């Protein structure tokens, strides 16, 4: 079997290769774009598209009979020459090279085997580099090994081992990847006691670290740290990532994915009815392949979105749909200067989950202002001016009545 071992790189975060369900794409020499069986040899192959590798653009590969591929950047020339040896020997000889290793050793394809490359467009756009060869120590059709490395247009790399039946080998049959700028390899270790059928995957989309500028080019890191797209940033902690679930239709459905809703999602209860709060924007988050752990979800909004929703920016919070009702995320916070609001969810709750930014509605007419109303006195004043003679008459009559009562008494 194959045991996965990840080397820890000092000073940088670690690249990770994940085991995935076994896949296999055979390359028959009759249908290959190019093949060879010369021992201790290589050929160069120009890729049909630019291949992204840790921020570099790879335009050509050098395929070596001894089980590795050198990645050559645009404008550069290959440096390796049919190397055979241990990985330490390789790094001493070519410390700045970028390379992928399927099973680097002194292999022997000359007597019974070959190595080849083919560009496939179905079921997905990919270049398959294939070896069918024994080791030099075995050099027999009884001990054949069949393995391959696949380059995908989006930067994915896959190692497939259909059958590994070597008995003897000269060096360490190293498998993994190496970036000359990082300086440490990532290794897939072999247990040579049994044949195997395993696949491994490196997906750079799972190693993107974004700043708070989601619409700008994302930086790369070398750990599942964050993914930033669709105005959403996801940070994962306390989780064990098992393997990347993939769908070979040209798109990935595993790891963490996000989406934006152009219209409110279809739920049995709308968020305004359930919470009394007004929706500002909806996003969707899905996570798979994790065991345990929480995700901090940060959603970006704009001033225009808040104005259109007619909500108080200081009241913004996050709710998610659990299939029955809308529930507020834990540890919600907001930064109105950066236009972000965040909260926590268990990764097991992220199964294509609608998440909404909501806020309290503004009062009708804007802010509430205390007011009072004065009683107008103009009517009484006008009556007094217009009918003064009536008032004088009433005063005279009152005085006369008082005197008449006194005389009578």
Protein backbone atom coordinates (compact mmCIF):
# COMPACT_ATOMS: atom_id res chain seq x y z
CA UNK A 1 0.00 0.00 0.00
CA UNK A 2 0.99 3.66 -0.08
CA UNK A 3 1.27 5.69 3.09
CA UNK A 4 0.88 9.45 2.80
CA UNK A 5 3.59 11.47 4.48
CA UNK A 6 3.80 15.26 4.39
CA UNK A 7 7.11 17.00 4.95
CA UNK A 8 6.93 20.11 7.12
CA UNK A 9 8.52 23.11 5.46
CA UNK A 10 10.15 25.55 7.86
CA UNK A 11 9.28 29.18 7.27
CA UNK A 12 6.28 28.52 5.04
CA UNK A 13 2.99 26.73 5.34
CA UNK A 14 2.91 23.13 4.21
CA UNK A 15 1.73 21.96 0.82
CA UNK A 16 -0.63 19.03 1.17
CA UNK A 17 -1.41 16.06 -1.04
CA UNK A 18 -4.67 14.28 -0.25
CA UNK A 19 -5.66 10.69 -0.95
CA UNK A 20 -8.73 10.42 -3.19
CA UNK A 21 -10.75 7.51 -4.61
CA UNK A 22 -8.70 5.58 -7.15
CA UNK A 23 -8.81 6.74 -10.78
CA UNK A 24 -6.98 5.55 -13.85
CA UNK A 25 -6.44 6.77 -17.41
CA UNK A 26 -4.33 4.40 -19.50
CA UNK A 27 -2.14 5.74 -22.32
CA UNK A 28 -1.60 3.28 -25.14
CA UNK A 29 1.61 4.03 -27.03
CA UNK A 30 -0.30 3.77 -30.33
CA UNK A 31 -2.51 6.71 -29.34
CA UNK A 32 -0.05 8.75 -27.29
CA UNK A 33 1.02 12.24 -28.36
CA UNK A 34 4.58 11.05 -27.81
CA UNK A 35 6.21 7.95 -26.32
CA UNK A 36 9.67 6.54 -25.82
CA UNK A 37 11.30 3.45 -24.34
CA UNK A 38 14.95 4.54 -24.31
CA UNK A 39 16.68 3.92 -20.99
CA UNK A 40 17.99 6.88 -18.97
CA UNK A 41 16.47 9.31 -21.43
CA UNK A 42 13.84 12.03 -21.65
CA UNK A 43 11.69 14.03 -24.04
CA UNK A 44 10.25 17.55 -23.87
CA UNK A 45 6.55 18.20 -24.33
CA UNK A 46 4.91 21.60 -24.78
CA UNK A 47 1.68 21.84 -22.80
CA UNK A 48 -1.55 22.73 -24.63
CA UNK A 49 -2.25 25.49 -22.09
CA UNK A 50 -0.34 27.42 -19.42
CA UNK A 51 -0.20 25.35 -16.26
CA UNK A 52 -0.21 27.29 -12.94
CA UNK A 53 2.18 26.00 -10.29
CA UNK A 54 2.62 27.96 -7.06
CA UNK A 55 2.40 31.32 -8.79
CA UNK A 56 4.50 30.23 -11.77
CA UNK A 57 3.35 29.64 -15.33
CA UNK A 58 4.55 26.29 -16.69
CA UNK A 59 4.58 25.99 -20.48
CA UNK A 60 6.64 22.83 -21.01
CA UNK A 61 7.47 19.60 -19.21
CA UNK A 62 10.50 17.32 -19.47
CA UNK A 63 9.39 13.70 -19.10
CA UNK A 64 12.16 11.43 -17.81
CA UNK A 65 12.30 7.66 -18.17
CA UNK A 66 13.26 7.43 -14.50
CA UNK A 67 9.84 8.37 -13.18
CA UNK A 68 9.74 12.15 -12.80
CA UNK A 69 8.64 15.28 -14.67
CA UNK A 70 10.48 18.59 -14.66
CA UNK A 71 8.21 21.65 -14.84
CA UNK A 72 9.62 24.38 -17.07
CA UNK A 73 8.45 27.98 -16.79
CA UNK A 74 7.72 30.13 -19.81
CA UNK A 75 10.97 31.62 -21.09
CA UNK A 76 13.19 29.12 -19.26
CA UNK A 77 14.99 25.96 -20.33
CA UNK A 78 15.01 22.53 -18.62
CA UNK A 79 17.93 21.75 -16.31
CA UNK A 80 17.59 18.03 -15.51
CA UNK A 81 19.04 15.30 -17.74
CA UNK A 82 17.63 11.80 -17.21
CA UNK A 83 18.57 11.90 -13.56
CA UNK A 84 18.46 8.79 -11.38
CA UNK A 85 19.19 8.79 -7.68
CA UNK A 86 17.60 9.59 -4.34
CA UNK A 87 15.55 12.71 -3.72
CA UNK A 88 18.44 14.12 -1.68
CA UNK A 89 20.74 13.58 -4.65
CA UNK A 90 18.23 15.33 -6.91
CA UNK A 91 17.95 18.36 -4.61
CA UNK A 92 21.73 18.60 -4.38
CA UNK A 93 22.05 18.48 -8.17
CA UNK A 94 19.02 20.64 -9.04
CA UNK A 95 18.06 22.73 -5.98
CA UNK A 96 16.12 25.33 -8.00
CA UNK A 97 14.22 22.95 -10.29
CA UNK A 98 10.46 22.46 -10.09
CA UNK A 99 9.53 18.80 -10.43
CA UNK A 100 6.84 16.18 -9.90
CA UNK A 101 7.90 12.66 -8.94
CA UNK A 102 5.82 9.57 -9.65
CA UNK A 103 8.39 6.93 -8.65
CA UNK A 104 11.89 8.29 -9.24
CA UNK A 105 14.54 5.60 -9.40
CA UNK A 106 16.70 3.83 -11.96
CA UNK A 107 13.87 2.45 -14.09
CA UNK A 108 14.34 0.31 -17.17
CA UNK A 109 11.82 0.75 -19.97
CA UNK A 110 14.21 -0.30 -22.72
CA UNK A 111 13.64 -4.07 -22.55
CA UNK A 112 9.96 -4.24 -21.56
CA UNK A 113 8.04 -1.04 -21.20
CA UNK A 114 7.64 2.59 -22.28
CA UNK A 115 6.76 6.06 -21.05
CA UNK A 116 4.37 8.40 -22.82
CA UNK A 117 2.29 11.57 -22.70
CA UNK A 118 -1.19 12.33 -24.00
CA UNK A 119 -3.50 15.34 -23.94
CA UNK A 120 -7.10 14.35 -23.16
CA UNK A 121 -10.08 16.66 -23.64
CA UNK A 122 -12.63 14.23 -22.18
CA UNK A 123 -13.81 13.56 -19.55
CA UNK A 124 -11.89 16.70 -18.61
CA UNK A 125 -9.04 18.75 -20.10
CA UNK A 126 -5.84 17.12 -18.82
CA UNK A 127 -2.34 15.96 -19.75
CA UNK A 128 -1.44 12.42 -18.63
CA UNK A 129 2.22 11.44 -18.20
CA UNK A 130 2.41 7.65 -18.08
CA UNK A 131 5.03 5.02 -17.21
CA UNK A 132 4.81 1.25 -17.72
CA UNK A 133 8.18 -0.10 -16.70
CA UNK A 134 10.15 -2.32 -14.30
CA UNK A 135 13.02 -1.09 -12.16
CA UNK A 136 16.60 -1.62 -13.30
CA UNK A 137 17.13 -4.12 -10.47
CA UNK A 138 14.10 -6.18 -11.53
CA UNK A 139 14.30 -5.67 -15.31
CA UNK A 140 11.65 -8.29 -15.99
CA UNK A 141 8.09 -8.29 -17.36
CA UNK A 142 7.16 -10.19 -14.19
CA UNK A 143 7.74 -7.06 -12.09
CA UNK A 144 6.04 -4.35 -14.10
CA UNK A 145 4.86 -1.07 -12.57
CA UNK A 146 2.15 1.14 -14.03
CA UNK A 147 1.70 4.68 -12.75
CA UNK A 148 1.03 8.21 -14.00
CA UNK A 149 0.96 11.90 -13.17
CA UNK A 150 -1.92 14.05 -14.43
CA UNK A 151 -1.81 17.82 -14.93
CA UNK A 152 -5.17 19.57 -15.00
CA UNK A 153 -5.72 22.93 -16.63
CA UNK A 154 -6.75 24.53 -13.32
CA UNK A 155 -3.45 23.66 -11.62
CA UNK A 156 -4.47 20.37 -10.05
CA UNK A 157 -1.95 17.55 -9.95
CA UNK A 158 -2.86 13.90 -9.53
CA UNK A 159 -0.80 10.78 -8.94
CA UNK A 160 -2.39 7.45 -9.96
CA UNK A 161 -0.81 4.08 -9.16
CA UNK A 162 -2.53 1.25 -10.99
CA UNK A 163 -0.04 -1.46 -10.11
CA UNK A 164 3.28 -1.26 -8.26
CA UNK A 165 4.97 -4.65 -8.15
CA UNK A 166 8.66 -3.87 -7.87
CA UNK A 167 10.71 -6.28 -5.80
CA UNK A 168 14.09 -4.58 -5.95
CA UNK A 169 15.07 -0.98 -6.58
CA UNK A 170 18.30 1.01 -6.58
CA UNK A 171 17.34 4.24 -4.78
CA UNK A 172 14.20 5.39 -2.93
CA UNK A 173 11.43 5.30 -5.57
CA UNK A 174 10.56 8.81 -4.44
CA UNK A 175 7.05 10.15 -5.14
CA UNK A 176 5.78 13.65 -4.47
CA UNK A 177 6.39 17.24 -5.54
CA UNK A 178 9.09 19.88 -5.22
CA UNK A 179 9.17 23.65 -5.64
CA UNK A 180 12.65 25.09 -6.03
CA UNK A 181 11.56 28.35 -4.40
CA UNK A 182 10.35 26.54 -1.26
CA UNK A 183 13.27 24.14 -0.94
CA UNK A 184 11.59 21.14 0.68
CA UNK A 185 9.76 18.25 -1.01
CA UNK A 186 6.32 16.91 -0.24
CA UNK A 187 6.55 13.13 -0.16
CA UNK A 188 4.23 10.21 -0.82
CA UNK A 189 5.94 7.22 0.80
CA UNK A 190 5.62 3.65 -0.47
CA UNK A 191 5.20 0.45 1.46
CA UNK A 192 6.68 -2.01 -1.05
CA UNK A 193 5.23 -5.14 0.54
CA UNK A 194 2.16 -5.26 -1.70
CA UNK A 195 0.86 -4.09 -5.08
CA UNK A 196 -1.50 -1.16 -4.89
CA UNK A 197 -4.13 0.91 -6.65
CA UNK A 198 -4.23 4.39 -5.15
CA UNK A 199 -4.68 7.99 -6.24
CA UNK A 200 -3.51 11.24 -4.67
CA UNK A 201 -4.38 14.82 -5.45
CA UNK A 202 -2.95 18.30 -4.99
CA UNK A 203 -5.48 21.06 -5.61
CA UNK A 204 -4.16 24.65 -5.46
CA UNK A 205 -7.71 25.99 -5.10
CA UNK A 206 -7.68 24.59 -1.58
CA UNK A 207 -4.57 26.56 -0.69
CA UNK A 208 -5.66 30.10 -1.55
CA UNK A 209 -5.20 32.76 1.08
CA UNK A 210 -7.04 35.95 0.27
CA UNK A 211 -6.76 39.38 1.76
CA UNK A 212 -9.93 41.37 2.36
CA UNK A 213 -9.84 42.38 -1.33
CA UNK A 214 -11.99 39.60 -2.74
CA UNK A 215 -12.14 40.99 -6.27
CA UNK A 216 -8.37 41.20 -6.63
CA UNK A 217 -5.96 38.41 -7.48
CA UNK A 218 -5.69 35.99 -4.58
CA UNK A 219 -2.36 35.16 -3.00
CA UNK A 220 -1.29 31.55 -2.62
CA UNK A 221 -0.40 29.83 0.63
CA UNK A 222 0.39 26.20 1.32
CA UNK A 223 -2.24 25.08 3.77
CA UNK A 224 -6.00 24.88 3.79
CA UNK A 225 -6.35 28.28 5.38
CA UNK A 226 -8.90 30.46 3.63
CA UNK A 227 -10.78 30.70 0.42
CA UNK A 228 -12.04 34.06 -0.79
CA UNK A 229 -14.50 34.42 -3.63
CA UNK A 230 -18.06 35.54 -4.21
CA UNK A 231 -17.65 38.18 -1.48
CA UNK A 232 -17.11 35.46 1.13
CA UNK A 233 -14.02 34.54 3.15
CA UNK A 234 -13.83 31.19 4.96
CA UNK A 235 -11.31 30.43 7.72
CA UNK A 236 -11.17 26.85 9.03
CA UNK A 237 -9.72 25.79 12.36
CA UNK A 238 -9.77 22.69 14.54
CA UNK A 239 -10.66 20.48 11.55
CA UNK A 240 -9.07 17.41 10.04
CA UNK A 241 -9.30 17.40 6.25
CA UNK A 242 -9.64 13.84 4.97
CA UNK A 243 -9.78 13.79 1.18
CA UNK A 244 -11.00 15.92 -1.66
CA UNK A 245 -14.27 14.74 -3.16
CA UNK A 246 -14.13 15.36 -6.90
CA UNK A 247 -16.50 15.08 -9.81
CA UNK A 248 -14.80 14.49 -13.13
CA UNK A 249 -17.02 16.76 -15.18
CA UNK A 250 -14.48 19.52 -15.17
CA UNK A 251 -15.59 20.99 -11.86
CA UNK A 252 -14.73 20.29 -8.25
CA UNK A 253 -17.46 19.79 -5.69
CA UNK A 254 -15.30 19.08 -2.70
CA UNK A 255 -13.41 21.08 -0.12
CA UNK A 256 -14.99 24.50 0.39
CA UNK A 257 -17.04 26.18 -2.29
CA UNK A 258 -19.04 29.39 -2.25
CA UNK A 259 -21.69 30.94 -4.45
CA UNK A 260 -23.76 34.10 -4.68
CA UNK A 261 -27.51 34.24 -5.08
CA UNK A 262 -28.94 36.54 -7.72
CA UNK A 263 -32.34 36.14 -6.03
CA UNK A 264 -33.38 34.87 -2.57
CA UNK A 265 -32.98 31.08 -2.13
CA UNK A 266 -36.06 28.88 -2.05
CA UNK A 267 -36.78 28.14 1.62
CA UNK A 268 -40.03 27.16 3.31
CA UNK A 269 -39.89 30.30 5.46
CA UNK A 270 -38.38 33.56 4.25
CA UNK A 271 -35.90 35.22 6.58
CA UNK A 272 -37.95 38.38 7.12
CA UNK A 273 -41.00 36.42 8.27
CA UNK A 274 -38.89 34.17 10.52
CA UNK A 275 -36.67 36.82 12.13
CA UNK A 276 -38.29 40.20 11.55
CA UNK A 277 -35.02 41.35 9.97
CA UNK A 278 -34.45 42.64 6.45
CA UNK A 279 -32.14 40.69 4.07
CA UNK A 280 -29.21 42.59 2.55
CA UNK A 281 -27.51 39.82 0.53
CA UNK A 282 -27.41 36.02 0.32
CA UNK A 283 -24.41 33.72 -0.16
CA UNK A 284 -24.02 29.93 -0.20
CA UNK A 285 -21.25 27.93 1.47
CA UNK A 286 -20.53 24.21 1.18
CA UNK A 287 -17.81 22.15 2.87
CA UNK A 288 -17.01 18.45 2.42
CA UNK A 289 -14.22 16.11 3.42
CA UNK A 290 -13.80 17.61 6.91
CA UNK A 291 -14.06 15.93 10.29
CA UNK A 292 -14.91 18.29 13.15
CA UNK A 293 -13.92 21.90 13.36
CA UNK A 294 -15.53 25.28 12.88
CA UNK A 295 -15.52 27.83 10.11
CA UNK A 296 -15.46 31.59 10.54
CA UNK A 297 -17.49 33.03 7.69
CA UNK A 298 -16.88 36.64 6.71
CA UNK A 299 -19.24 38.27 4.23
CA UNK A 300 -18.49 41.53 2.45
CA UNK A 301 -21.19 44.06 1.68
CA UNK A 302 -21.36 47.49 0.06
CA UNK A 303 -22.89 50.76 1.19
CA UNK A 304 -25.28 50.60 -1.75
CA UNK A 305 -26.57 47.19 -0.62
CA UNK A 306 -27.29 48.57 2.86
CA UNK A 307 -29.03 51.65 1.45
CA UNK A 308 -31.18 49.59 -0.90
CA UNK A 309 -32.24 47.29 1.93
CA UNK A 310 -33.08 50.30 4.17
CA UNK A 311 -31.47 48.76 7.24
CA UNK A 312 -29.29 50.03 10.05
CA UNK A 313 -25.66 49.18 9.27
CA UNK A 314 -24.79 48.94 12.98
CA UNK A 315 -27.36 46.14 13.38
CA UNK A 316 -26.04 43.83 10.62
CA UNK A 317 -25.72 40.15 11.53
CA UNK A 318 -25.61 36.72 9.83
CA UNK A 319 -28.24 33.99 9.75
CA UNK A 320 -28.13 30.56 8.09
CA UNK A 321 -30.88 28.22 6.89
CA UNK A 322 -30.79 24.83 8.67
CA UNK A 323 -33.54 23.29 6.54
CA UNK A 324 -36.31 24.24 8.97
CA UNK A 325 -35.70 27.79 10.10
CA UNK A 326 -33.21 30.68 10.03
CA UNK A 327 -30.65 30.62 12.87
CA UNK A 328 -28.12 33.30 13.82
CA UNK A 329 -24.43 32.34 13.55
CA UNK A 330 -22.32 32.24 16.70
CA UNK A 331 -19.89 34.97 17.77
CA UNK A 332 -21.22 37.47 15.25
CA UNK A 333 -19.25 40.68 14.74
CA UNK A 334 -19.04 43.49 12.23
CA UNK A 335 -16.64 46.16 11.05
CA UNK A 336 -18.53 49.00 9.37
CA UNK A 337 -15.27 50.63 8.26
CA UNK A 338 -14.27 47.55 6.24
CA UNK A 339 -17.88 46.66 5.33
CA UNK A 340 -17.68 43.13 6.71
CA UNK A 341 -19.78 40.99 9.03
CA UNK A 342 -18.71 37.59 10.37
CA UNK A 343 -19.84 34.65 12.45
CA UNK A 344 -19.03 31.00 13.27
CA UNK A 345 -20.58 27.73 12.13
CA UNK A 346 -19.68 24.08 12.55
CA UNK A 347 -18.32 22.65 9.29
CA UNK A 348 -20.93 19.91 9.45
CA UNK A 349 -23.60 22.61 9.02
CA UNK A 350 -22.12 23.75 5.70
CA UNK A 351 -23.84 21.47 3.22
CA UNK A 352 -24.74 23.99 0.57
CA UNK A 353 -26.08 26.32 3.22
CA UNK A 354 -27.76 29.64 2.40
CA UNK A 355 -26.33 32.40 4.59
CA UNK A 356 -27.83 35.88 4.69
CA UNK A 357 -26.69 39.28 5.90
CA UNK A 358 -29.66 40.89 7.67
CA UNK A 359 -30.31 44.09 9.59
CA UNK A 360 -32.97 45.96 11.51
CA UNK A 361 -35.22 48.15 9.35
CA UNK A 362 -34.78 51.91 9.53
CA UNK A 363 -37.77 53.84 10.96
CA UNK A 364 -40.13 55.31 8.37
CA UNK A 365 -38.91 58.77 7.41
CA UNK A 366 -35.42 58.18 8.68
CA UNK A 367 -34.23 58.88 12.22
CA UNK A 368 -36.70 59.29 15.11
CA UNK A 369 -36.71 62.90 16.47
CA UNK A 370 -38.60 64.02 19.60
CA UNK A 371 -41.11 66.83 18.83
CA UNK A 372 -43.97 68.87 20.38
CA UNK A 373 -46.70 71.10 18.97
CA UNK A 374 -47.47 74.65 20.20
CA UNK A 375 -51.11 75.70 20.60
CA UNK A 376 -51.77 78.63 18.25
CA UNK A 377 -53.23 81.78 19.96
CA UNK A 378 -53.88 83.81 16.82
CA UNK A 379 -57.60 82.97 16.79
CA UNK A 380 -58.20 84.36 20.30
CA UNK A 381 -56.18 87.49 19.51
CA UNK A 382 -58.06 88.05 16.27
CA UNK A 383 -61.41 87.73 18.05
CA UNK A 384 -60.32 90.32 20.61
CA UNK A 385 -59.25 92.82 17.92
CA UNK A 386 -62.36 92.42 15.77
CA UNK A 387 -64.98 92.54 18.56
CA UNK A 388 -63.54 94.97 21.13
CA UNK A 389 -66.78 96.86 21.44
CA UNK A 390 -68.55 93.72 22.56
CA UNK A 391 -66.04 93.27 25.32
CA UNK A 392 -66.45 96.91 26.43
CA UNK A 393 -70.24 96.51 26.48
CA UNK A 394 -70.00 93.40 28.62
CA UNK A 395 -67.69 95.15 31.08
CA UNK A 396 -70.10 98.17 31.41
CA UNK A 397 -73.10 95.89 31.91
CA UNK A 398 -71.24 93.95 34.56
CA UNK A 399 -70.30 97.10 36.49
CA UNK A 400 -73.92 98.46 36.28
CA UNK A 401 -75.27 95.17 37.61
CA UNK A 402 -72.95 95.27 40.59
CA UNK A 403 -74.01 98.89 41.52
CA UNK A 404 -77.72 98.15 41.12
CA UNK A 405 -77.43 95.24 43.56
CA UNK A 406 -75.66 97.42 46.11
CA UNK A 407 -78.37 100.20 45.88
CA UNK A 408 -81.13 97.66 46.20
CA UNK A 409 -79.58 96.24 49.30
